[in-house]
Amino acid sequence: SVGGIPEIIKNEKNGLLIDPNNIDELSNAMLRLLTDHSKSKKLGANASKYISSNFEIDVICSHYETIYNSL
């Protein structure tokens, strides 16, 4: 949960955010993902969908084209 990461990763929706330097929280999150297969699959699917709908090359090019045309 540092820098721009929380702008992309939404806790419990498409990933898990933990406090920096919190080893206990990190190990608990990792253990949770390793043992809760449905949760890890859901987070992975949501992350993939979010990234592909917001950051694929066609989407980025479209955003740049919109900005360029507005100038």
Protein backbone atom coordinates (compact mmCIF):
# COMPACT_ATOMS: atom_id res chain seq x y z
CA SER A 1 0.00 0.00 0.00
CA VAL A 2 2.60 2.54 -1.14
CA GLY A 3 2.99 5.02 -3.96
CA GLY A 4 0.53 4.60 -6.80
CA ILE A 5 -0.24 0.96 -6.05
CA PRO A 6 -3.57 1.71 -4.30
CA GLU A 7 -4.70 3.54 -7.44
CA ILE A 8 -4.64 0.23 -9.32
CA ILE A 9 -5.05 -2.44 -6.64
CA LYS A 10 -8.35 -2.22 -4.79
CA ASN A 11 -8.13 -4.16 -1.55
CA GLU A 12 -10.28 -7.29 -1.52
CA LYS A 13 -11.50 -6.56 -5.08
CA ASN A 14 -8.52 -7.19 -7.35
CA GLY A 15 -5.76 -7.79 -4.84
CA LEU A 16 -4.72 -7.47 -1.24
CA LEU A 17 -3.03 -4.39 0.14
CA ILE A 18 -0.84 -4.56 3.18
CA ASP A 19 1.01 -1.95 5.18
CA PRO A 20 4.68 -1.52 4.27
CA ASN A 21 7.17 -3.42 6.44
CA ASN A 22 4.42 -5.46 8.11
CA ILE A 23 5.75 -8.99 7.79
CA ASP A 24 2.91 -10.54 9.78
CA GLU A 25 0.32 -8.93 7.51
CA LEU A 26 2.25 -10.05 4.43
CA SER A 27 2.53 -13.63 5.61
CA ASN A 28 -1.17 -13.71 6.54
CA ALA A 29 -2.14 -12.37 3.10
CA MET A 30 0.07 -14.92 1.35
CA LEU A 31 -1.27 -17.77 3.47
CA ARG A 32 -4.81 -16.63 2.78
CA LEU A 33 -4.22 -16.67 -0.98
CA LEU A 34 -2.58 -20.08 -0.80
CA THR A 35 -5.41 -21.63 1.19
CA ASP A 36 -8.50 -19.81 -0.13
CA HIS A 37 -8.47 -20.90 -3.77
CA SER A 38 -11.79 -19.29 -4.64
CA LYS A 39 -10.62 -15.95 -3.23
CA SER A 40 -7.32 -16.07 -5.09
CA LYS A 41 -9.06 -17.00 -8.36
CA LYS A 42 -11.61 -14.21 -7.90
CA LEU A 43 -8.92 -11.61 -7.15
CA GLY A 44 -6.85 -12.81 -10.12
CA ALA A 45 -9.80 -12.69 -12.51
CA ASN A 46 -10.81 -9.23 -11.30
CA ALA A 47 -7.23 -7.97 -11.63
CA SER A 48 -6.91 -9.34 -15.15
CA LYS A 49 -10.22 -7.79 -16.19
CA TYR A 50 -9.29 -4.41 -14.66
CA ILE A 51 -5.87 -4.29 -16.31
CA SER A 52 -7.12 -5.38 -19.73
CA SER A 53 -9.99 -2.89 -19.70
CA ASN A 54 -7.83 0.03 -18.55
CA PHE A 55 -4.25 -0.55 -19.67
CA GLU A 56 -4.20 -2.55 -22.90
CA ILE A 57 -2.49 -0.80 -25.79
CA ASP A 58 -5.75 -0.05 -27.63
CA VAL A 59 -7.21 1.62 -24.54
CA ILE A 60 -4.08 3.68 -23.89
CA CYS A 61 -3.84 4.72 -27.55
CA SER A 62 -7.47 5.80 -27.48
CA HIS A 63 -6.80 7.95 -24.42
CA TYR A 64 -3.78 9.54 -26.07
CA GLU A 65 -5.75 10.14 -29.26
CA THR A 66 -8.49 11.88 -27.26
CA ILE A 67 -5.93 14.10 -25.55
CA TYR A 68 -4.17 14.85 -28.84
CA ASN A 69 -7.45 15.75 -30.57
CA SER A 70 -8.43 18.04 -27.71
CA LEU A 71 -5.27 20.13 -28.23
